[in-house]
Amino acid sequence: MGLIDDCELYFGSKSLYDILSVEKTATAAQLKQAYRKASLLTHPDKVDESQKEEATRKFQIVAKVHFILSDTDKRQVYDETGIIDDENDCSMDDSNPEFWQNYFRNLFPRITVKDIENYMKEYKESEEERNDLKNCYIKAEGDMNIISETFIGYRVDEEERYSKMLKEMIKTKELPSFPKFVKESSVKKAARHRKFKKESIEAKKCLEASSDLCQALKKRSVDRENDFNSMIANLEAKYGKKDTAGRKKKK
């Protein structure tokens, strides 16, 4: 899949500007600021192992989006055609995940894991989070399934808190009362939670399988090395003696 497809799959929108929550007229400085925020909210270092794979994917996507929009020529082509120029560039290759980690570090070299943790603490229950959730709610027309997929930084264990925030804004007439939200059935909610739980279990199994595979490959490598060393030792023992004996005869 291409970047546009990934944007729709992981963020529910085909617009690169929507991924960074900026207007089409955003300046380079605004794009960088928006990318920093999106990266901190999707950074793999802020989640547990079961969520790391999805977080890494989202982290890469927001980096790619900034990579495109921060390039004047690529942005112009995208704005005029909706097509991403040079998407087959080697730097856009998903087989090189470290590229996007380095891309982030080069732009924000002083950000540490501790900084990410502190940012998340400050973001939680802040006015910024409240506005982001509010905008996401409006775009999703109150559909919590869509909100869970598109709200950057969403956590299923925080859903009750999100719902409470939205209900308060609806009560004060700050938000419209969308039926999809206020009338959501317990069945739909339970299905969503099962989906996240299932994905979490599958991700954990995948990580465990990957770990087992790494251990198996490592053991095979060690066994091969031991077999090779054993073979060399046998050859030396077998032919080294003959060679020594031959030299003695010649003398």
Protein backbone atom coordinates (compact mmCIF):
# COMPACT_ATOMS: atom_id res chain seq x y z
CA MET A 1 0.00 0.00 0.00
CA GLY A 2 1.01 3.59 -0.57
CA LEU A 3 1.17 6.44 1.92
CA ILE A 4 -2.32 7.72 1.08
CA ASP A 5 -3.79 4.26 1.78
CA ASP A 6 -1.86 4.05 5.05
CA CYS A 7 -3.17 7.47 6.09
CA GLU A 8 -6.74 6.33 5.54
CA LEU A 9 -6.17 2.99 7.27
CA TYR A 10 -4.46 4.33 10.38
CA PHE A 11 -5.88 7.85 10.65
CA GLY A 12 -9.19 7.69 8.75
CA SER A 13 -8.29 10.35 6.19
CA LYS A 14 -6.60 10.54 2.81
CA SER A 15 -5.53 14.15 3.37
CA LEU A 16 -1.92 14.62 4.45
CA TYR A 17 -2.91 17.87 6.13
CA ASP A 18 -5.49 16.07 8.27
CA ILE A 19 -2.83 13.71 9.57
CA LEU A 20 -0.92 16.63 11.07
CA SER A 21 -4.13 18.53 11.92
CA VAL A 22 -3.06 21.62 9.97
CA GLU A 23 -4.64 23.79 7.28
CA LYS A 24 -3.53 23.61 3.67
CA THR A 25 -2.00 27.06 4.13
CA ALA A 26 0.25 25.94 7.01
CA THR A 27 3.75 27.41 7.04
CA ALA A 28 6.95 25.38 7.36
CA ALA A 29 7.18 26.31 11.04
CA GLN A 30 3.57 25.25 11.67
CA LEU A 31 4.18 21.95 9.88
CA LYS A 32 7.24 21.27 12.00
CA GLN A 33 5.38 22.08 15.21
CA ALA A 34 2.45 19.86 14.17
CA TYR A 35 4.84 17.03 13.25
CA ARG A 36 6.57 17.29 16.62
CA LYS A 37 3.26 16.98 18.44
CA ALA A 38 2.01 14.07 16.28
CA SER A 39 5.32 12.26 16.70
CA LEU A 40 5.29 12.58 20.48
CA LEU A 41 1.72 11.27 20.60
CA THR A 42 2.52 8.28 18.36
CA HIS A 43 6.09 7.60 19.50
CA PRO A 44 6.72 3.85 20.06
CA ASP A 45 8.63 4.55 23.28
CA LYS A 46 5.45 5.73 25.04
CA VAL A 47 3.47 2.48 24.64
CA ASP A 48 3.81 -1.08 25.93
CA GLU A 49 5.14 -3.91 23.78
CA SER A 50 1.70 -5.11 22.64
CA GLN A 51 0.99 -1.70 21.03
CA LYS A 52 4.48 -0.94 19.77
CA GLU A 53 3.97 -2.30 16.25
CA GLU A 54 0.95 -0.08 15.52
CA ALA A 55 2.56 2.93 17.22
CA THR A 56 5.68 2.46 15.10
CA ARG A 57 3.58 2.37 11.94
CA LYS A 58 1.76 5.58 12.88
CA PHE A 59 5.05 7.20 13.86
CA GLN A 60 6.47 6.39 10.43
CA ILE A 61 3.37 7.69 8.65
CA VAL A 62 3.42 11.12 10.32
CA ALA A 63 7.15 11.35 9.53
CA LYS A 64 6.49 10.56 5.86
CA VAL A 65 3.70 13.15 5.75
CA HIS A 66 6.01 15.83 7.12
CA PHE A 67 8.76 14.67 4.77
CA ILE A 68 6.43 15.30 1.80
CA LEU A 69 4.84 18.56 2.96
CA SER A 70 8.11 20.13 4.10
CA ASP A 71 9.56 19.69 0.60
CA THR A 72 8.38 22.62 -1.55
CA ASP A 73 8.35 20.68 -4.84
CA LYS A 74 6.70 17.55 -3.42
CA ARG A 75 4.09 19.64 -1.63
CA GLN A 76 3.25 21.56 -4.79
CA VAL A 77 2.78 18.34 -6.76
CA TYR A 78 0.56 16.93 -4.01
CA ASP A 79 -1.51 20.13 -3.72
CA GLU A 80 -2.10 20.27 -7.47
CA THR A 81 -2.67 16.59 -8.21
CA GLY A 82 -3.27 14.78 -4.93
CA ILE A 83 -0.39 12.51 -5.93
CA ILE A 84 2.74 11.97 -3.85
CA ASP A 85 5.83 12.61 -5.94
CA ASP A 86 8.72 10.13 -5.72
CA GLU A 87 6.92 7.80 -3.31
CA ASN A 88 9.19 5.03 -4.55
CA ASP A 89 12.22 6.94 -3.30
CA CYS A 90 14.44 4.62 -1.22
CA SER A 91 13.98 6.86 1.83
CA MET A 92 10.25 6.06 1.78
CA ASP A 93 10.95 2.32 1.95
CA ASP A 94 9.34 0.69 5.00
CA SER A 95 12.14 -1.87 5.11
CA ASN A 96 14.33 0.87 6.57
CA PRO A 97 12.45 1.88 9.77
CA GLU A 98 15.54 3.48 11.32
CA PHE A 99 15.40 6.18 8.64
CA TRP A 100 12.29 7.70 10.24
CA GLN A 101 13.70 7.47 13.76
CA ASN A 102 16.78 9.33 12.54
CA TYR A 103 14.57 11.79 10.64
CA PHE A 104 12.82 12.65 13.92
CA ARG A 105 16.08 12.85 15.88
CA ASN A 106 17.67 15.15 13.31
CA LEU A 107 14.77 17.58 13.57
CA PHE A 108 14.46 17.31 17.35
CA PRO A 109 17.87 16.12 18.60
CA ARG A 110 17.32 17.10 22.24
CA ILE A 111 14.10 15.14 22.80
CA THR A 112 14.59 12.13 25.08
CA VAL A 113 12.30 9.34 26.27
CA LYS A 114 11.84 11.33 29.48
CA ASP A 115 10.72 14.33 27.43
CA ILE A 116 8.12 12.15 25.69
CA GLU A 117 6.80 10.91 29.04
CA ASN A 118 6.62 14.45 30.39
CA TYR A 119 4.84 15.66 27.27
CA MET A 120 2.22 12.94 27.63
CA LYS A 121 1.63 13.89 31.26
CA GLU A 122 1.18 17.54 30.31
CA TYR A 123 -1.01 16.70 27.32
CA LYS A 124 -3.40 14.52 29.31
CA GLU A 125 -6.45 16.55 30.43
CA SER A 126 -4.96 19.71 28.93
CA GLU A 127 -6.84 22.25 26.84
CA GLU A 128 -4.86 21.02 23.85
CA GLU A 129 -6.07 17.44 24.28
CA ARG A 130 -9.61 18.72 24.82
CA ASN A 131 -9.57 20.66 21.54
CA ASP A 132 -8.05 17.73 19.63
CA LEU A 133 -10.75 15.39 20.94
CA LYS A 134 -13.42 17.96 20.16
CA ASN A 135 -12.28 18.31 16.53
CA CYS A 136 -12.03 14.55 16.15
CA TYR A 137 -15.56 14.11 17.53
CA ILE A 138 -16.97 16.60 15.00
CA LYS A 139 -15.19 15.00 12.04
CA ALA A 140 -16.33 11.52 13.12
CA GLU A 141 -19.87 12.80 13.81
CA GLY A 142 -19.70 11.17 17.22
CA ASP A 143 -18.80 7.67 16.02
CA MET A 144 -16.51 6.28 18.74
CA ASN A 145 -15.21 3.57 16.40
CA ILE A 146 -13.86 6.26 14.09
CA ILE A 147 -12.63 8.37 17.01
CA SER A 148 -10.73 5.39 18.40
CA GLU A 149 -8.95 4.99 15.06
CA THR A 150 -8.29 8.66 14.29
CA PHE A 151 -7.70 10.42 17.60
CA ILE A 152 -3.91 10.60 17.88
CA GLY A 153 -2.82 9.23 21.24
CA TYR A 154 -6.05 7.29 21.78
CA ARG A 155 -5.90 4.56 24.42
CA VAL A 156 -8.74 2.13 24.99
CA ASP A 157 -8.19 2.26 28.76
CA GLU A 158 -8.79 6.03 28.57
CA GLU A 159 -12.06 5.77 26.66
CA GLU A 160 -14.27 6.44 29.69
CA ARG A 161 -12.38 9.66 30.32
CA TYR A 162 -12.77 10.72 26.67
CA SER A 163 -16.50 9.99 26.85
CA LYS A 164 -16.87 12.02 30.02
CA MET A 165 -15.08 14.99 28.41
CA LEU A 166 -17.34 14.81 25.34
CA LYS A 167 -20.52 14.51 27.43
CA GLU A 168 -19.57 17.61 29.38
CA MET A 169 -19.02 19.56 26.14
CA ILE A 170 -22.36 18.34 24.80
CA LYS A 171 -24.07 19.36 28.04
CA THR A 172 -22.68 22.91 27.76
CA LYS A 173 -23.75 23.08 24.07
CA GLU A 174 -20.11 23.30 23.01
CA LEU A 175 -20.63 20.20 20.88
CA PRO A 176 -23.64 18.90 18.97
CA SER A 177 -25.35 15.79 20.29
CA PHE A 178 -24.64 13.24 17.58
CA PRO A 179 -26.87 10.12 17.85
CA LYS A 180 -23.92 7.85 17.07
CA PHE A 181 -22.35 8.97 20.32
CA VAL A 182 -25.24 9.53 22.75
CA LYS A 183 -27.12 6.45 21.57
CA GLU A 184 -24.21 4.08 21.14
CA SER A 185 -25.24 0.59 22.19
CA SER A 186 -23.38 -1.43 24.77
CA VAL A 187 -22.98 -4.15 22.11
CA LYS A 188 -21.08 -1.80 19.78
CA LYS A 189 -18.90 -0.56 22.62
CA ALA A 190 -18.12 -4.11 23.77
CA ALA A 191 -17.26 -5.13 20.19
CA ARG A 192 -14.82 -2.23 19.92
CA HIS A 193 -13.13 -3.18 23.18
CA ARG A 194 -12.91 -6.84 22.09
CA LYS A 195 -11.29 -5.69 18.86
CA PHE A 196 -8.61 -3.73 20.70
CA LYS A 197 -8.04 -6.59 23.14
CA LYS A 198 -7.73 -9.07 20.27
CA GLU A 199 -5.26 -6.81 18.44
CA SER A 200 -3.26 -6.44 21.63
CA ILE A 201 -3.10 -10.22 22.13
CA GLU A 202 -2.15 -10.82 18.49
CA ALA A 203 0.58 -8.18 18.68
CA LYS A 204 1.93 -9.79 21.84
CA LYS A 205 1.97 -13.23 20.20
CA CYS A 206 3.71 -11.76 17.17
CA LEU A 207 6.40 -10.24 19.38
CA GLU A 208 6.85 -13.50 21.27
CA ALA A 209 7.07 -15.41 17.99
CA SER A 210 9.63 -12.92 16.70
CA SER A 211 11.63 -13.34 19.90
CA ASP A 212 11.52 -17.15 19.58
CA LEU A 213 12.61 -16.88 15.95
CA CYS A 214 15.53 -14.64 16.90
CA GLN A 215 16.61 -17.11 19.58
CA ALA A 216 16.33 -20.02 17.11
CA LEU A 217 18.39 -18.17 14.50
CA LYS A 218 20.96 -17.23 17.10
CA LYS A 219 21.22 -20.87 18.27
CA ARG A 220 21.53 -22.09 14.68
CA SER A 221 24.32 -19.60 14.08
CA VAL A 222 26.16 -20.77 17.19
CA ASP A 223 25.66 -24.44 16.23
CA ARG A 224 27.00 -23.80 12.74
CA GLU A 225 30.01 -22.01 14.15
CA ASN A 226 30.66 -24.89 16.55
CA ASP A 227 30.26 -27.44 13.73
CA PHE A 228 32.67 -25.44 11.56
CA ASN A 229 35.26 -25.17 14.33
CA SER A 230 34.89 -28.89 15.05
CA MET A 231 35.39 -29.71 11.37
CA ILE A 232 38.54 -27.54 11.19
CA ALA A 233 39.90 -29.18 14.34
CA ASN A 234 39.33 -32.66 12.86
CA LEU A 235 41.04 -31.70 9.59
CA GLU A 236 44.00 -30.28 11.46
CA ALA A 237 44.23 -33.40 13.58
CA LYS A 238 44.00 -35.70 10.55
CA TYR A 239 46.19 -33.92 8.01
CA GLY A 240 48.46 -32.00 10.32
CA LYS A 241 50.05 -35.26 11.57
CA LYS A 242 50.59 -36.57 8.02
CA ASP A 243 52.19 -33.32 6.99
CA THR A 244 54.52 -33.42 9.97
CA ALA A 245 55.42 -37.02 9.26
CA GLY A 246 56.10 -36.23 5.60
CA ARG A 247 58.50 -33.44 6.49
CA LYS A 248 60.40 -35.79 8.85
CA LYS A 249 60.80 -38.41 6.07
CA LYS A 250 62.17 -35.80 3.66
CA LYS A 251 64.76 -34.78 6.19
